[in-house]
Structure formats: structure tokens, C-alpha cells
Amino acid sequence: MTALEPLGVSTHAPSLGGRSVLSQRWSDVVFLHWRIAPELVAPHLPPGCVPDVHDGTSWIGLIAFRMSRSAFLGGPPVPWLGDFPEVNVRLYAVDGLGRRSVVFASLDAAHLVPVLAAQALFGLPYRWASMRHGRRGDLVAYRTRRHGASAAASHLIVRPDPTADADASLRDDPLATFLTGRWAFHERHLGRTILCRSEHEPWPLQHARLEHLDDALLATAGFPGIAERPPESVLFAPTVATRFGTPHALGAPTTPSPPSPVGE
């Protein structure tokens, strides 16, 4: 599969189709998702993309994980990049060639050097933050506060359900696949919309229960009121090792047609 062919949502990643430029390990991954009207998502997408929908609506996610073992161009992990948390707000989009993706409304990370590198290389809206990640018994917690913008903060605690039945029920779940089975991101960078492919093993998804949420990252990203209601989906994954390919420009912006809804 080349970068120009359709890229759908699925539990298994298609081949990266080229050289890996960045690899990472993501651990203790928390997915919180809410329904949101497509017309609220559209202004936040790069040119050439429209909101992707499932069950008649778009979705917005608050995603937290611990990043480690970052490596470039197939080389060994770079020790000084460290092991640190990230929390991002993300949307779901599709371009004129049918490539379904993630679009990041914001990304907060606890290590300044990767923040600056991601801003420069991909145009991603990374921000440097003071962050903590911890586990106590079967609880997983993240706390973040952005440097220079203390109102941009979040504190979440979830309780994963690692039972076999919980995992099995998610393997063929259309909503879980729509929200997590994404193998690219779109971004606006240097005046162009780019697509960057990714791949990793299937998510080892588990159901989880939200025990606590005090979040202002969604509102800071332009989505007030979302975090005031319970999320419609709460998922967890212990760990995956992921790779990213070389970004490709979309070229002249087009007006894509909305895709066929997933799971309908």
C-alpha cells in the first residue's frame, strides 16, 4: 500500500509502505471519548479534510499514555529523550482520497526537546507541560499542567478491567475500532496539509471505568463543556510499540466527500 491509496480503520495496521523515521513505545494508554457534532469539529481540521463520523456523530478524544524508547531512522533508542507522559486531544478526519486519520487539537508532553522536535518536523501543536503518571493497585492516573498556561490542566484516573471477557468483547466492536484503529495523522505544516502513516500491533484493548476527571485541556483546545459530561467510551491498553513513516503532502486542497459511516 502506498501513501496515496485509501487508508481505512481496522484492528490491524497496513504495512507502513516505507522506511520508519520514528519509533516509540506507548504504555498505560487511556482513551476517553465523547460524541461531538461534526460542524464543531470541521473548523479544527486542516484543509482537504472533513470530519469522520460513526453512529451519526463525530467523536473527540482525550488520550493519555507514557512514552518511552524513542528511536530515529531504525536506530537504537536515544537515552536522553527519556521516559515521559503525554496527554493529547484528538479528532477524527478523512481526506479526499479516503484516508481516515487522527487530527490533534493539542498535545501536552513532559519533555521539552521532543516537543520542539515535533513542532519543527511535523507542525504538531505540542506544548511543554509539568506531568505525572502513576499506578496504585489497579488504578492508572495522569496529571498535567501546561507551562505558561496553568489553566490548561487535566487530572484523570481510570480503573482498567483486564479480564479476558472484556478484551474479547472489543475485538469486533465497531466503535472501538473507529476510535483506535487509525493508522495516520493529518496536520497543517509549512502551508500544506500532510499525512503521516503509523503502524503497531493490534491494540490490546480493555474496558475501563473512569474514577475521576478534572479536565480543562478540551476547553483550552476549543471544545468547552465536553468534559462536563461523562465520556461515552472509556478504554485502556497496557502497551504497544509503534512506528511512524515519512510525512507526505496532500497537494492542492480538495473537498472530500464524507466516507461511508463505520459500523452502520
C-alpha atoms as a PDB file:
ATOM      1  CA  MET A   1       0.000   0.000   0.000  1.00  0.00           C
ATOM      2  CA  THR A   2       1.404   3.396  -0.964  1.00  0.00           C
ATOM      3  CA  ALA A   3       0.733   6.707   0.750  1.00  0.00           C
ATOM      4  CA  LEU A   4      -1.793   7.589  -1.987  1.00  0.00           C
ATOM      5  CA  GLU A   5      -4.091   4.603  -1.538  1.00  0.00           C
ATOM      6  CA  PRO A   6      -7.188   4.605   0.700  1.00  0.00           C
ATOM      7  CA  LEU A   7      -6.421   4.131   4.378  1.00  0.00           C
ATOM      8  CA  GLY A   8      -9.332   2.909   6.454  1.00  0.00           C
ATOM      9  CA  VAL A   9      -9.930   1.987  10.073  1.00  0.00           C
ATOM     10  CA  SER A  10      -9.110  -1.557  11.155  1.00  0.00           C
ATOM     11  CA  THR A  11      -7.791  -3.534  14.092  1.00  0.00           C
ATOM     12  CA  HIS A  12      -4.641  -4.475  12.135  1.00  0.00           C
ATOM     13  CA  ALA A  13      -2.293  -1.893  10.664  1.00  0.00           C
ATOM     14  CA  PRO A  14      -1.482  -1.972   6.953  1.00  0.00           C
ATOM     15  CA  SER A  15       2.191  -2.012   6.055  1.00  0.00           C
ATOM     16  CA  LEU A  16       3.934   1.284   6.656  1.00  0.00           C
ATOM     17  CA  GLY A  17       4.844   1.323   2.968  1.00  0.00           C
ATOM     18  CA  GLY A  18       8.293   2.786   3.504  1.00  0.00           C
ATOM     19  CA  ARG A  19      11.053   3.492   5.963  1.00  0.00           C
ATOM     20  CA  SER A  20      10.310   4.178   9.613  1.00  0.00           C
ATOM     21  CA  VAL A  21      11.501   7.640  10.660  1.00  0.00           C
ATOM     22  CA  LEU A  22      10.452   7.377  14.318  1.00  0.00           C
ATOM     23  CA  SER A  23       9.600   4.547  16.704  1.00  0.00           C
ATOM     24  CA  GLN A  24       8.276   4.682  20.257  1.00  0.00           C
ATOM     25  CA  ARG A  25       6.706   2.549  22.954  1.00  0.00           C
ATOM     26  CA  TRP A  26       3.383   3.700  24.459  1.00  0.00           C
ATOM     27  CA  SER A  27       2.322   2.304  27.849  1.00  0.00           C
ATOM     28  CA  ASP A  28      -0.722   2.668  30.138  1.00  0.00           C
ATOM     29  CA  VAL A  29      -2.750   4.158  27.289  1.00  0.00           C
ATOM     30  CA  VAL A  30      -6.077   5.704  28.363  1.00  0.00           C
ATOM     31  CA  PHE A  31      -8.765   6.573  25.792  1.00  0.00           C
ATOM     32  CA  LEU A  32     -11.658   8.827  26.871  1.00  0.00           C
ATOM     33  CA  HIS A  33     -14.145   9.723  24.107  1.00  0.00           C
ATOM     34  CA  TRP A  34     -17.237  11.871  23.738  1.00  0.00           C
ATOM     35  CA  ARG A  35     -19.715  12.407  20.915  1.00  0.00           C
ATOM     36  CA  ILE A  36     -19.470  15.787  19.212  1.00  0.00           C
ATOM     37  CA  ALA A  37     -21.309  17.387  16.296  1.00  0.00           C
ATOM     38  CA  PRO A  38     -19.350  17.296  13.016  1.00  0.00           C
ATOM     39  CA  GLU A  39     -19.879  21.022  12.494  1.00  0.00           C
ATOM     40  CA  LEU A  40     -17.930  21.689  15.710  1.00  0.00           C
ATOM     41  CA  VAL A  41     -15.039  19.524  14.504  1.00  0.00           C
ATOM     42  CA  ALA A  42     -14.769  20.853  10.933  1.00  0.00           C
ATOM     43  CA  PRO A  43     -13.147  24.254  11.750  1.00  0.00           C
ATOM     44  CA  HIS A  44     -10.296  22.470  13.567  1.00  0.00           C
ATOM     45  CA  LEU A  45      -9.289  20.230  10.645  1.00  0.00           C
ATOM     46  CA  PRO A  46      -6.554  21.009   8.100  1.00  0.00           C
ATOM     47  CA  PRO A  47      -7.524  21.896   4.504  1.00  0.00           C
ATOM     48  CA  GLY A  48      -8.536  18.856   2.454  1.00  0.00           C
ATOM     49  CA  CYS A  49     -10.084  17.013   5.417  1.00  0.00           C
ATOM     50  CA  VAL A  50     -13.651  16.649   6.695  1.00  0.00           C
ATOM     51  CA  PRO A  51     -14.945  15.136   9.956  1.00  0.00           C
ATOM     52  CA  ASP A  52     -15.166  11.352  10.072  1.00  0.00           C
ATOM     53  CA  VAL A  53     -18.359  10.038  11.688  1.00  0.00           C
ATOM     54  CA  HIS A  54     -19.627   6.945  13.467  1.00  0.00           C
ATOM     55  CA  ASP A  55     -23.183   6.343  14.612  1.00  0.00           C
ATOM     56  CA  GLY A  56     -24.233   9.694  13.161  1.00  0.00           C
ATOM     57  CA  THR A  57     -21.715  11.866  15.025  1.00  0.00           C
ATOM     58  CA  SER A  58     -18.079  12.830  15.208  1.00  0.00           C
ATOM     59  CA  TRP A  59     -16.014  11.994  18.277  1.00  0.00           C
ATOM     60  CA  ILE A  60     -13.390  13.792  20.349  1.00  0.00           C
ATOM     61  CA  GLY A  61     -10.797  12.008  22.460  1.00  0.00           C
ATOM     62  CA  LEU A  62      -8.679  12.781  25.496  1.00  0.00           C
ATOM     63  CA  ILE A  63      -5.768  10.322  25.269  1.00  0.00           C
ATOM     64  CA  ALA A  64      -3.057   9.803  27.902  1.00  0.00           C
ATOM     65  CA  PHE A  65      -0.049   7.492  27.791  1.00  0.00           C
ATOM     66  CA  ARG A  66       3.568   7.087  28.825  1.00  0.00           C
ATOM     67  CA  MET A  67       6.110   7.333  26.010  1.00  0.00           C
ATOM     68  CA  SER A  68       9.484   5.579  26.057  1.00  0.00           C
ATOM     69  CA  ARG A  69      12.205   4.072  23.842  1.00  0.00           C
ATOM     70  CA  SER A  70      12.105   6.785  21.168  1.00  0.00           C
ATOM     71  CA  ALA A  71      14.386   5.992  18.215  1.00  0.00           C
ATOM     72  CA  PHE A  72      15.001   7.550  14.806  1.00  0.00           C
ATOM     73  CA  LEU A  73      15.516   6.021  11.342  1.00  0.00           C
ATOM     74  CA  GLY A  74      15.667   2.459  12.645  1.00  0.00           C
ATOM     75  CA  GLY A  75      18.440   3.205  15.122  1.00  0.00           C
ATOM     76  CA  PRO A  76      18.586   2.315  18.818  1.00  0.00           C
ATOM     77  CA  PRO A  77      16.535   4.211  21.415  1.00  0.00           C
ATOM     78  CA  VAL A  78      18.015   7.587  22.357  1.00  0.00           C
ATOM     79  CA  PRO A  79      18.578   7.535  26.140  1.00  0.00           C
ATOM     80  CA  TRP A  80      18.436  11.311  26.670  1.00  0.00           C
ATOM     81  CA  LEU A  81      14.921  11.505  25.214  1.00  0.00           C
ATOM     82  CA  GLY A  82      13.787   9.817  28.397  1.00  0.00           C
ATOM     83  CA  ASP A  83      10.571   8.251  29.535  1.00  0.00           C
ATOM     84  CA  PHE A  84       7.713  10.710  29.976  1.00  0.00           C
ATOM     85  CA  PRO A  85       3.916  11.125  29.804  1.00  0.00           C
ATOM     86  CA  GLU A  86       1.787  12.739  27.106  1.00  0.00           C
ATOM     87  CA  VAL A  87      -1.858  13.811  27.054  1.00  0.00           C
ATOM     88  CA  ASN A  88      -3.496  14.832  23.775  1.00  0.00           C
ATOM     89  CA  VAL A  89      -6.868  15.999  22.495  1.00  0.00           C
ATOM     90  CA  ARG A  90      -7.686  14.435  19.138  1.00  0.00           C
ATOM     91  CA  LEU A  91     -10.308  14.458  16.413  1.00  0.00           C
ATOM     92  CA  TYR A  92     -11.090  12.121  13.509  1.00  0.00           C
ATOM     93  CA  ALA A  93     -10.956  13.062   9.844  1.00  0.00           C
ATOM     94  CA  VAL A  94     -10.911  11.755   6.271  1.00  0.00           C
ATOM     95  CA  ASP A  95      -9.292  13.336   3.217  1.00  0.00           C
ATOM     96  CA  GLY A  96     -10.275  13.424  -0.448  1.00  0.00           C
ATOM     97  CA  LEU A  97      -8.537  10.100  -1.134  1.00  0.00           C
ATOM     98  CA  GLY A  98     -10.471   8.297   1.590  1.00  0.00           C
ATOM     99  CA  ARG A  99      -7.590   8.202   4.073  1.00  0.00           C
ATOM    100  CA  ARG A 100      -9.025   8.186   7.589  1.00  0.00           C
ATOM    101  CA  SER A 101      -6.873   9.715  10.284  1.00  0.00           C
ATOM    102  CA  VAL A 102      -6.339  11.379  13.622  1.00  0.00           C
ATOM    103  CA  VAL A 103      -6.058  15.177  13.824  1.00  0.00           C
ATOM    104  CA  PHE A 104      -4.531  16.562  17.007  1.00  0.00           C
ATOM    105  CA  ALA A 105      -6.178  19.606  18.544  1.00  0.00           C
ATOM    106  CA  SER A 106      -3.450  19.745  21.211  1.00  0.00           C
ATOM    107  CA  LEU A 107      -0.636  17.629  22.641  1.00  0.00           C
ATOM    108  CA  ASP A 108       0.990  18.151  26.036  1.00  0.00           C
ATOM    109  CA  ALA A 109       4.232  16.363  26.909  1.00  0.00           C
ATOM    110  CA  ALA A 110       6.670  16.460  29.801  1.00  0.00           C
ATOM    111  CA  HIS A 111       9.952  16.621  27.829  1.00  0.00           C
ATOM    112  CA  LEU A 112      10.857  19.887  26.096  1.00  0.00           C
ATOM    113  CA  VAL A 113      13.230  18.524  23.409  1.00  0.00           C
ATOM    114  CA  PRO A 114      10.685  16.139  21.783  1.00  0.00           C
ATOM    115  CA  VAL A 115       8.086  18.928  21.977  1.00  0.00           C
ATOM    116  CA  LEU A 116      10.326  21.265  19.977  1.00  0.00           C
ATOM    117  CA  ALA A 117      11.311  18.493  17.531  1.00  0.00           C
ATOM    118  CA  ALA A 118       7.680  17.515  16.819  1.00  0.00           C
ATOM    119  CA  GLN A 119       6.718  21.159  16.306  1.00  0.00           C
ATOM    120  CA  ALA A 120       9.553  21.637  13.808  1.00  0.00           C
ATOM    121  CA  LEU A 121       9.337  18.319  11.915  1.00  0.00           C
ATOM    122  CA  PHE A 122       5.569  17.770  11.743  1.00  0.00           C
ATOM    123  CA  GLY A 123       3.952  21.061  12.745  1.00  0.00           C
ATOM    124  CA  LEU A 124       2.157  19.274  15.577  1.00  0.00           C
ATOM    125  CA  PRO A 125       0.632  21.530  18.283  1.00  0.00           C
ATOM    126  CA  TYR A 126       2.810  20.160  21.084  1.00  0.00           C
ATOM    127  CA  ARG A 127       3.121  22.098  24.340  1.00  0.00           C
ATOM    128  CA  TRP A 128       5.548  21.591  27.207  1.00  0.00           C
ATOM    129  CA  ALA A 129       3.855  20.664  30.486  1.00  0.00           C
ATOM    130  CA  SER A 130       4.543  19.525  34.017  1.00  0.00           C
ATOM    131  CA  MET A 131       3.147  15.997  34.150  1.00  0.00           C
ATOM    132  CA  ARG A 132       2.865  12.976  36.393  1.00  0.00           C
ATOM    133  CA  HIS A 133       1.839   9.398  35.697  1.00  0.00           C
ATOM    134  CA  GLY A 134       1.295   6.812  38.372  1.00  0.00           C
ATOM    135  CA  ARG A 135      -0.257   3.474  39.292  1.00  0.00           C
ATOM    136  CA  ARG A 136      -1.732   2.454  42.618  1.00  0.00           C
ATOM    137  CA  GLY A 137      -3.126  -1.045  42.695  1.00  0.00           C
ATOM    138  CA  ASP A 138      -5.360  -1.321  39.624  1.00  0.00           C
ATOM    139  CA  LEU A 139      -5.731   2.456  39.194  1.00  0.00           C
ATOM    140  CA  VAL A 140      -3.908   4.426  36.467  1.00  0.00           C
ATOM    141  CA  ALA A 141      -3.590   8.208  36.876  1.00  0.00           C
ATOM    142  CA  TYR A 142      -2.314  11.162  34.851  1.00  0.00           C
ATOM    143  CA  ARG A 143      -1.954  14.787  35.936  1.00  0.00           C
ATOM    144  CA  THR A 144      -0.742  17.620  33.675  1.00  0.00           C
ATOM    145  CA  ARG A 145      -0.422  21.421  33.773  1.00  0.00           C
ATOM    146  CA  ARG A 146       0.946  23.375  30.807  1.00  0.00           C
ATOM    147  CA  HIS A 147       3.938  25.643  31.358  1.00  0.00           C
ATOM    148  CA  GLY A 148       2.968  29.273  30.793  1.00  0.00           C
ATOM    149  CA  ALA A 149      -0.764  28.408  30.669  1.00  0.00           C
ATOM    150  CA  SER A 150      -1.700  26.984  34.051  1.00  0.00           C
ATOM    151  CA  ALA A 151      -5.410  26.809  33.147  1.00  0.00           C
ATOM    152  CA  ALA A 152      -4.552  24.125  30.558  1.00  0.00           C
ATOM    153  CA  ALA A 153      -4.575  21.272  33.044  1.00  0.00           C
ATOM    154  CA  SER A 154      -6.032  17.810  33.439  1.00  0.00           C
ATOM    155  CA  HIS A 155      -6.259  15.095  36.069  1.00  0.00           C
ATOM    156  CA  LEU A 156      -7.717  11.693  35.228  1.00  0.00           C
ATOM    157  CA  ILE A 157      -7.886   8.330  36.976  1.00  0.00           C
ATOM    158  CA  VAL A 158      -9.176   5.107  35.424  1.00  0.00           C
ATOM    159  CA  ARG A 159      -9.576   1.540  36.591  1.00  0.00           C
ATOM    160  CA  PRO A 160      -8.865  -0.931  33.722  1.00  0.00           C
ATOM    161  CA  ASP A 161     -10.716  -4.238  33.540  1.00  0.00           C
ATOM    162  CA  PRO A 162      -8.122  -6.777  32.351  1.00  0.00           C
ATOM    163  CA  THR A 163     -10.483  -9.773  32.251  1.00  0.00           C
ATOM    164  CA  ALA A 164     -10.467 -11.989  29.161  1.00  0.00           C
ATOM    165  CA  ASP A 165     -14.156 -11.338  28.509  1.00  0.00           C
ATOM    166  CA  ALA A 166     -13.610  -7.581  28.409  1.00  0.00           C
ATOM    167  CA  ASP A 167     -10.803  -7.915  25.870  1.00  0.00           C
ATOM    168  CA  ALA A 168     -12.752 -10.344  23.660  1.00  0.00           C
ATOM    169  CA  SER A 169     -15.800  -8.099  23.503  1.00  0.00           C
ATOM    170  CA  LEU A 170     -13.710  -5.280  21.996  1.00  0.00           C
ATOM    171  CA  ARG A 171     -12.112  -7.237  19.150  1.00  0.00           C
ATOM    172  CA  ASP A 172     -15.105  -6.795  16.856  1.00  0.00           C
ATOM    173  CA  ASP A 173     -16.554  -3.652  18.418  1.00  0.00           C
ATOM    174  CA  PRO A 174     -17.197  -1.101  15.619  1.00  0.00           C
ATOM    175  CA  LEU A 175     -16.892   1.947  17.881  1.00  0.00           C
ATOM    176  CA  ALA A 176     -13.638   0.765  19.491  1.00  0.00           C
ATOM    177  CA  THR A 177     -12.203   0.137  16.014  1.00  0.00           C
ATOM    178  CA  PHE A 178     -13.363   3.554  14.772  1.00  0.00           C
ATOM    179  CA  LEU A 179     -11.710   5.309  17.722  1.00  0.00           C
ATOM    180  CA  THR A 180      -8.457   3.355  17.962  1.00  0.00           C
ATOM    181  CA  GLY A 181      -7.912   1.639  14.584  1.00  0.00           C
ATOM    182  CA  ARG A 182      -6.288   4.687  12.961  1.00  0.00           C
ATOM    183  CA  TRP A 183      -3.037   4.424  11.056  1.00  0.00           C
ATOM    184  CA  ALA A 184      -2.208   8.023  10.143  1.00  0.00           C
ATOM    185  CA  PHE A 185      -2.468  11.622  11.258  1.00  0.00           C
ATOM    186  CA  HIS A 186      -3.169  14.735   9.189  1.00  0.00           C
ATOM    187  CA  GLU A 187      -1.615  18.078  10.086  1.00  0.00           C
ATOM    188  CA  ARG A 188      -1.174  21.543   8.600  1.00  0.00           C
ATOM    189  CA  HIS A 189       2.575  22.219   8.257  1.00  0.00           C
ATOM    190  CA  LEU A 190       4.510  24.870   6.317  1.00  0.00           C
ATOM    191  CA  GLY A 191       1.402  25.893   4.389  1.00  0.00           C
ATOM    192  CA  ARG A 192       0.468  22.344   3.336  1.00  0.00           C
ATOM    193  CA  THR A 193      -1.654  19.547   4.714  1.00  0.00           C
ATOM    194  CA  ILE A 194       0.493  16.498   5.392  1.00  0.00           C
ATOM    195  CA  LEU A 195      -0.310  12.849   6.104  1.00  0.00           C
ATOM    196  CA  CYS A 196       1.997  10.755   8.287  1.00  0.00           C
ATOM    197  CA  ARG A 197       1.450   6.984   8.449  1.00  0.00           C
ATOM    198  CA  SER A 198       1.910   4.815  11.540  1.00  0.00           C
ATOM    199  CA  GLU A 199       1.785   1.137  12.435  1.00  0.00           C
ATOM    200  CA  HIS A 200       1.839  -1.091  15.506  1.00  0.00           C
ATOM    201  CA  GLU A 201       0.459  -4.420  16.660  1.00  0.00           C
ATOM    202  CA  PRO A 202      -3.302  -4.580  17.321  1.00  0.00           C
ATOM    203  CA  TRP A 203      -4.310  -2.629  20.408  1.00  0.00           C
ATOM    204  CA  PRO A 204      -4.644  -4.941  23.455  1.00  0.00           C
ATOM    205  CA  LEU A 205      -7.794  -3.058  24.425  1.00  0.00           C
ATOM    206  CA  GLN A 206      -9.568  -3.418  27.733  1.00  0.00           C
ATOM    207  CA  HIS A 207     -12.704  -1.849  29.103  1.00  0.00           C
ATOM    208  CA  ALA A 208     -12.035   0.665  31.870  1.00  0.00           C
ATOM    209  CA  ARG A 209     -14.007   2.721  34.362  1.00  0.00           C
ATOM    210  CA  LEU A 210     -13.427   6.433  34.809  1.00  0.00           C
ATOM    211  CA  GLU A 211     -12.910   7.102  38.509  1.00  0.00           C
ATOM    212  CA  HIS A 212     -12.048  10.811  38.306  1.00  0.00           C
ATOM    213  CA  LEU A 213     -11.775  13.548  35.682  1.00  0.00           C
ATOM    214  CA  ASP A 214     -10.980  17.231  36.180  1.00  0.00           C
ATOM    215  CA  ASP A 215     -10.073  18.482  32.717  1.00  0.00           C
ATOM    216  CA  ALA A 216      -9.570  21.838  31.023  1.00  0.00           C
ATOM    217  CA  LEU A 217      -7.495  20.640  28.037  1.00  0.00           C
ATOM    218  CA  LEU A 218     -10.631  20.030  25.960  1.00  0.00           C
ATOM    219  CA  ALA A 219     -11.937  23.537  26.641  1.00  0.00           C
ATOM    220  CA  THR A 220      -8.500  25.082  26.024  1.00  0.00           C
ATOM    221  CA  ALA A 221      -8.376  23.320  22.640  1.00  0.00           C
ATOM    222  CA  GLY A 222     -11.676  24.967  21.680  1.00  0.00           C
ATOM    223  CA  PHE A 223     -14.257  22.467  22.959  1.00  0.00           C
ATOM    224  CA  PRO A 224     -15.897  23.891  26.095  1.00  0.00           C
ATOM    225  CA  GLY A 225     -18.429  21.855  28.014  1.00  0.00           C
ATOM    226  CA  ILE A 226     -17.363  18.447  26.696  1.00  0.00           C
ATOM    227  CA  ALA A 227     -15.571  17.330  29.869  1.00  0.00           C
ATOM    228  CA  GLU A 228     -18.569  18.330  31.995  1.00  0.00           C
ATOM    229  CA  ARG A 229     -20.440  15.212  30.876  1.00  0.00           C
ATOM    230  CA  PRO A 230     -19.354  11.571  31.225  1.00  0.00           C
ATOM    231  CA  PRO A 231     -17.441  10.097  28.275  1.00  0.00           C
ATOM    232  CA  GLU A 232     -19.358   7.633  26.101  1.00  0.00           C
ATOM    233  CA  SER A 233     -16.297   5.388  25.757  1.00  0.00           C
ATOM    234  CA  VAL A 234     -13.522   4.570  28.255  1.00  0.00           C
ATOM    235  CA  LEU A 235     -10.798   2.184  27.063  1.00  0.00           C
ATOM    236  CA  PHE A 236      -7.316   1.174  28.160  1.00  0.00           C
ATOM    237  CA  ALA A 237      -4.323  -0.580  26.547  1.00  0.00           C
ATOM    238  CA  PRO A 238      -1.250  -1.787  28.522  1.00  0.00           C
ATOM    239  CA  THR A 239       1.418  -1.189  25.856  1.00  0.00           C
ATOM    240  CA  VAL A 240       2.224  -1.077  22.137  1.00  0.00           C
ATOM    241  CA  ALA A 241       5.391  -0.398  20.131  1.00  0.00           C
ATOM    242  CA  THR A 242       4.662   1.986  17.264  1.00  0.00           C
ATOM    243  CA  ARG A 243       6.452   3.339  14.180  1.00  0.00           C
ATOM    244  CA  PHE A 244       5.895   6.423  12.012  1.00  0.00           C
ATOM    245  CA  GLY A 245       6.703   6.833   8.318  1.00  0.00           C
ATOM    246  CA  THR A 246       7.778   9.818   6.258  1.00  0.00           C
ATOM    247  CA  PRO A 247       5.131  12.584   6.013  1.00  0.00           C
ATOM    248  CA  HIS A 248       3.546  13.186   2.589  1.00  0.00           C
ATOM    249  CA  ALA A 249       1.874  16.384   1.382  1.00  0.00           C
ATOM    250  CA  LEU A 250      -1.697  16.187   0.142  1.00  0.00           C
ATOM    251  CA  GLY A 251      -1.000  18.740  -2.594  1.00  0.00           C
ATOM    252  CA  ALA A 252      -3.729  21.165  -3.594  1.00  0.00           C
ATOM    253  CA  PRO A 253      -6.607  21.097  -1.088  1.00  0.00           C
ATOM    254  CA  THR A 254      -9.692  19.226  -2.236  1.00  0.00           C
ATOM    255  CA  THR A 255     -13.220  18.951  -0.872  1.00  0.00           C
ATOM    256  CA  PRO A 256     -13.637  15.294   0.090  1.00  0.00           C
ATOM    257  CA  SER A 257     -16.962  13.560   0.315  1.00  0.00           C
ATOM    258  CA  PRO A 258     -17.872  12.157   3.727  1.00  0.00           C
ATOM    259  CA  PRO A 259     -16.952   8.434   3.978  1.00  0.00           C
ATOM    260  CA  SER A 260     -19.406   5.630   4.456  1.00  0.00           C
ATOM    261  CA  PRO A 261     -20.097   5.502   8.212  1.00  0.00           C
ATOM    262  CA  VAL A 262     -18.290   2.768  10.129  1.00  0.00           C
ATOM    263  CA  GLY A 263     -20.458   0.295  11.955  1.00  0.00           C
ATOM    264  CA  GLU A 264     -23.766   1.415  10.466  1.00  0.00           C
END
